[in-house]
Amino acid sequence: MRKSKIAKANKLKTKFLRAIKDWRKPKFATKVFNCCNVCWRIRGYLWNFWICRICFREKANAWELSWVRKSSW
């Protein structure tokens, strides 16, 4: 992933935490916390697993998520 997107996500997170500290309503709160923990993707986020759909599929196919099974198997 590009370094600029990671830097942007970190900047949004610091702005969000600063807004909470000052008792203000933060702007774009979902973009800060709903990011994939592996690749920092914002779209296609699965909140149960804290990762995006692409990383979820890769981990499930590599048997890293042992409790997840394909329905066709």
N, C-alpha and C. Protein backbone atom coordinates (compact mmCIF):
# COMPACT_ATOMS: atom_id res chain seq x y z
N MET A 1 0.83 -1.18 0.00
CA MET A 1 0.00 0.00 0.00
C MET A 1 0.88 1.24 0.00
N ARG A 2 0.34 2.29 -0.52
CA ARG A 2 1.11 3.53 -0.61
C ARG A 2 1.30 4.16 0.76
N LYS A 3 2.45 4.76 0.94
CA LYS A 3 2.77 5.39 2.22
C LYS A 3 1.88 6.59 2.49
N SER A 4 1.42 7.25 1.43
CA SER A 4 0.60 8.44 1.62
C SER A 4 -0.75 8.09 2.26
N LYS A 5 -1.33 6.93 1.91
CA LYS A 5 -2.60 6.53 2.52
C LYS A 5 -2.42 6.19 3.98
N ILE A 6 -1.32 5.55 4.33
CA ILE A 6 -1.05 5.23 5.73
C ILE A 6 -0.84 6.51 6.53
N ALA A 7 -0.11 7.46 5.95
CA ALA A 7 0.11 8.74 6.62
C ALA A 7 -1.21 9.49 6.80
N LYS A 8 -2.07 9.43 5.78
CA LYS A 8 -3.37 10.11 5.87
C LYS A 8 -4.24 9.48 6.96
N ALA A 9 -4.23 8.15 7.05
CA ALA A 9 -5.01 7.47 8.08
C ALA A 9 -4.49 7.82 9.47
N ASN A 10 -3.18 7.89 9.63
CA ASN A 10 -2.61 8.26 10.93
C ASN A 10 -2.95 9.70 11.29
N LYS A 11 -2.95 10.59 10.29
CA LYS A 11 -3.30 11.98 10.54
C LYS A 11 -4.77 12.11 10.95
N LEU A 12 -5.66 11.36 10.28
CA LEU A 12 -7.07 11.38 10.65
C LEU A 12 -7.27 10.85 12.06
N LYS A 13 -6.50 9.83 12.42
CA LYS A 13 -6.64 9.25 13.75
C LYS A 13 -6.21 10.24 14.82
N THR A 14 -5.11 10.96 14.60
CA THR A 14 -4.68 11.94 15.60
C THR A 14 -5.67 13.08 15.71
N LYS A 15 -6.26 13.51 14.57
CA LYS A 15 -7.28 14.56 14.62
C LYS A 15 -8.51 14.09 15.39
N PHE A 16 -8.88 12.83 15.17
CA PHE A 16 -10.04 12.26 15.86
C PHE A 16 -9.81 12.21 17.36
N LEU A 17 -8.65 11.73 17.77
CA LEU A 17 -8.35 11.64 19.20
C LEU A 17 -8.25 13.01 19.85
N ARG A 18 -7.72 13.99 19.11
CA ARG A 18 -7.65 15.35 19.63
C ARG A 18 -9.04 15.95 19.79
N ALA A 19 -9.95 15.64 18.85
CA ALA A 19 -11.33 16.14 18.94
C ALA A 19 -12.05 15.53 20.13
N ILE A 20 -11.83 14.26 20.39
CA ILE A 20 -12.45 13.62 21.55
C ILE A 20 -11.92 14.23 22.84
N LYS A 21 -10.65 14.51 22.85
CA LYS A 21 -10.03 15.10 24.05
C LYS A 21 -10.62 16.48 24.35
N ASP A 22 -10.96 17.25 23.30
CA ASP A 22 -11.52 18.59 23.47
C ASP A 22 -13.05 18.59 23.54
N TRP A 23 -13.68 17.42 23.65
CA TRP A 23 -15.12 17.26 23.76
C TRP A 23 -15.86 17.82 22.55
N ARG A 24 -15.29 17.64 21.37
CA ARG A 24 -15.96 18.04 20.13
C ARG A 24 -16.37 16.80 19.36
N LYS A 25 -17.33 16.95 18.48
CA LYS A 25 -17.73 15.84 17.62
C LYS A 25 -16.70 15.70 16.51
N PRO A 26 -16.07 14.53 16.36
CA PRO A 26 -15.05 14.37 15.33
C PRO A 26 -15.65 14.27 13.93
N LYS A 27 -14.88 14.69 12.96
CA LYS A 27 -15.30 14.62 11.57
C LYS A 27 -14.77 13.32 10.96
N PHE A 28 -15.61 12.60 10.24
CA PHE A 28 -15.24 11.34 9.60
C PHE A 28 -14.73 10.31 10.60
N ALA A 29 -15.51 10.04 11.62
CA ALA A 29 -15.09 9.09 12.66
C ALA A 29 -14.99 7.67 12.12
N THR A 30 -15.83 7.30 11.17
CA THR A 30 -15.80 5.93 10.66
C THR A 30 -14.56 5.67 9.83
N LYS A 31 -14.05 6.67 9.13
CA LYS A 31 -12.85 6.47 8.33
C LYS A 31 -11.63 6.22 9.21
N VAL A 32 -11.67 6.71 10.42
CA VAL A 32 -10.52 6.53 11.30
C VAL A 32 -10.48 5.11 11.85
N PHE A 33 -11.57 4.63 12.37
CA PHE A 33 -11.55 3.35 13.06
C PHE A 33 -11.92 2.17 12.17
N ASN A 34 -12.64 2.38 11.09
CA ASN A 34 -13.03 1.27 10.24
C ASN A 34 -12.02 1.06 9.12
N CYS A 35 -10.78 0.80 9.50
CA CYS A 35 -9.72 0.50 8.55
C CYS A 35 -9.23 -0.91 8.81
N CYS A 36 -8.81 -1.58 7.76
CA CYS A 36 -8.26 -2.93 7.89
C CYS A 36 -6.95 -2.86 8.68
N ASN A 37 -6.78 -3.77 9.62
CA ASN A 37 -5.56 -3.79 10.42
C ASN A 37 -4.37 -4.34 9.66
N VAL A 38 -4.59 -4.98 8.54
CA VAL A 38 -3.50 -5.57 7.77
C VAL A 38 -3.04 -4.64 6.66
N CYS A 39 -3.97 -4.17 5.84
CA CYS A 39 -3.58 -3.39 4.65
C CYS A 39 -4.09 -1.95 4.66
N TRP A 40 -4.77 -1.51 5.69
CA TRP A 40 -5.29 -0.14 5.86
C TRP A 40 -6.35 0.21 4.83
N ARG A 41 -7.03 -0.78 4.28
CA ARG A 41 -8.11 -0.52 3.33
C ARG A 41 -9.33 -0.02 4.08
N ILE A 42 -10.00 1.00 3.55
CA ILE A 42 -11.16 1.59 4.21
C ILE A 42 -12.45 0.91 3.75
N ARG A 43 -12.54 0.58 2.48
CA ARG A 43 -13.77 0.00 1.94
C ARG A 43 -13.76 -1.52 2.09
N GLY A 44 -14.93 -2.11 2.22
CA GLY A 44 -15.07 -3.55 2.34
C GLY A 44 -14.61 -4.07 3.70
N TYR A 45 -14.86 -3.30 4.74
CA TYR A 45 -14.39 -3.63 6.09
C TYR A 45 -15.37 -4.58 6.78
N LEU A 46 -14.86 -5.67 7.35
CA LEU A 46 -15.68 -6.61 8.12
C LEU A 46 -15.43 -6.35 9.61
N TRP A 47 -16.41 -5.78 10.28
CA TRP A 47 -16.19 -5.34 11.66
C TRP A 47 -16.05 -6.51 12.63
N ASN A 48 -16.54 -7.70 12.29
CA ASN A 48 -16.38 -8.85 13.18
C ASN A 48 -14.92 -9.27 13.31
N PHE A 49 -14.17 -9.11 12.24
CA PHE A 49 -12.80 -9.58 12.20
C PHE A 49 -11.76 -8.46 12.17
N TRP A 50 -12.17 -7.23 12.02
CA TRP A 50 -11.31 -6.04 11.95
C TRP A 50 -10.38 -6.05 10.75
N ILE A 51 -10.80 -6.71 9.68
CA ILE A 51 -10.01 -6.72 8.45
C ILE A 51 -10.93 -6.51 7.27
N CYS A 52 -10.36 -6.22 6.11
CA CYS A 52 -11.17 -6.02 4.90
C CYS A 52 -11.51 -7.35 4.27
N ARG A 53 -12.36 -7.32 3.27
CA ARG A 53 -12.85 -8.55 2.64
C ARG A 53 -11.75 -9.29 1.90
N ILE A 54 -10.79 -8.56 1.36
CA ILE A 54 -9.71 -9.20 0.61
C ILE A 54 -8.76 -9.94 1.55
N CYS A 55 -8.38 -9.30 2.64
CA CYS A 55 -7.51 -9.95 3.63
C CYS A 55 -8.24 -11.11 4.30
N PHE A 56 -9.54 -10.95 4.51
CA PHE A 56 -10.34 -12.02 5.09
C PHE A 56 -10.31 -13.26 4.21
N ARG A 57 -10.47 -13.06 2.92
CA ARG A 57 -10.47 -14.19 1.99
C ARG A 57 -9.10 -14.86 1.93
N GLU A 58 -8.03 -14.05 1.90
CA GLU A 58 -6.68 -14.61 1.88
C GLU A 58 -6.39 -15.43 3.14
N LYS A 59 -6.76 -14.89 4.29
CA LYS A 59 -6.52 -15.60 5.55
C LYS A 59 -7.38 -16.85 5.67
N ALA A 60 -8.61 -16.79 5.19
CA ALA A 60 -9.49 -17.96 5.26
C ALA A 60 -8.99 -19.07 4.34
N ASN A 61 -8.51 -18.71 3.16
CA ASN A 61 -7.99 -19.72 2.24
C ASN A 61 -6.67 -20.32 2.72
N ALA A 62 -5.92 -19.56 3.50
CA ALA A 62 -4.64 -20.06 4.04
C ALA A 62 -4.83 -20.76 5.38
N TRP A 63 -6.09 -20.95 5.82
CA TRP A 63 -6.44 -21.61 7.09
C TRP A 63 -5.89 -20.87 8.31
N GLU A 64 -5.71 -19.55 8.21
CA GLU A 64 -5.28 -18.76 9.36
C GLU A 64 -6.46 -18.43 10.27
N LEU A 65 -7.66 -18.47 9.73
CA LEU A 65 -8.89 -18.30 10.51
C LEU A 65 -9.52 -19.67 10.64
N SER A 66 -9.19 -20.37 11.69
CA SER A 66 -9.57 -21.78 11.79
C SER A 66 -11.08 -21.98 11.96
N TRP A 67 -11.81 -21.00 12.45
CA TRP A 67 -13.24 -21.16 12.69
C TRP A 67 -14.08 -20.79 11.46
N VAL A 68 -13.44 -20.37 10.38
CA VAL A 68 -14.14 -19.99 9.16
C VAL A 68 -14.00 -21.11 8.13
N ARG A 69 -15.12 -21.52 7.56
CA ARG A 69 -15.12 -22.57 6.55
C ARG A 69 -15.90 -22.12 5.33
N LYS A 70 -15.51 -22.59 4.18
CA LYS A 70 -16.28 -22.34 2.96
C LYS A 70 -17.52 -23.24 3.00
N SER A 71 -18.62 -22.75 2.50
CA SER A 71 -19.85 -23.52 2.53
C SER A 71 -19.82 -24.68 1.53
N SER A 72 -18.99 -24.59 0.51
CA SER A 72 -18.96 -25.62 -0.53
C SER A 72 -18.04 -26.78 -0.16
N TRP A 73 -17.30 -26.69 0.94
CA TRP A 73 -16.37 -27.78 1.31
C TRP A 73 -17.06 -28.81 2.14
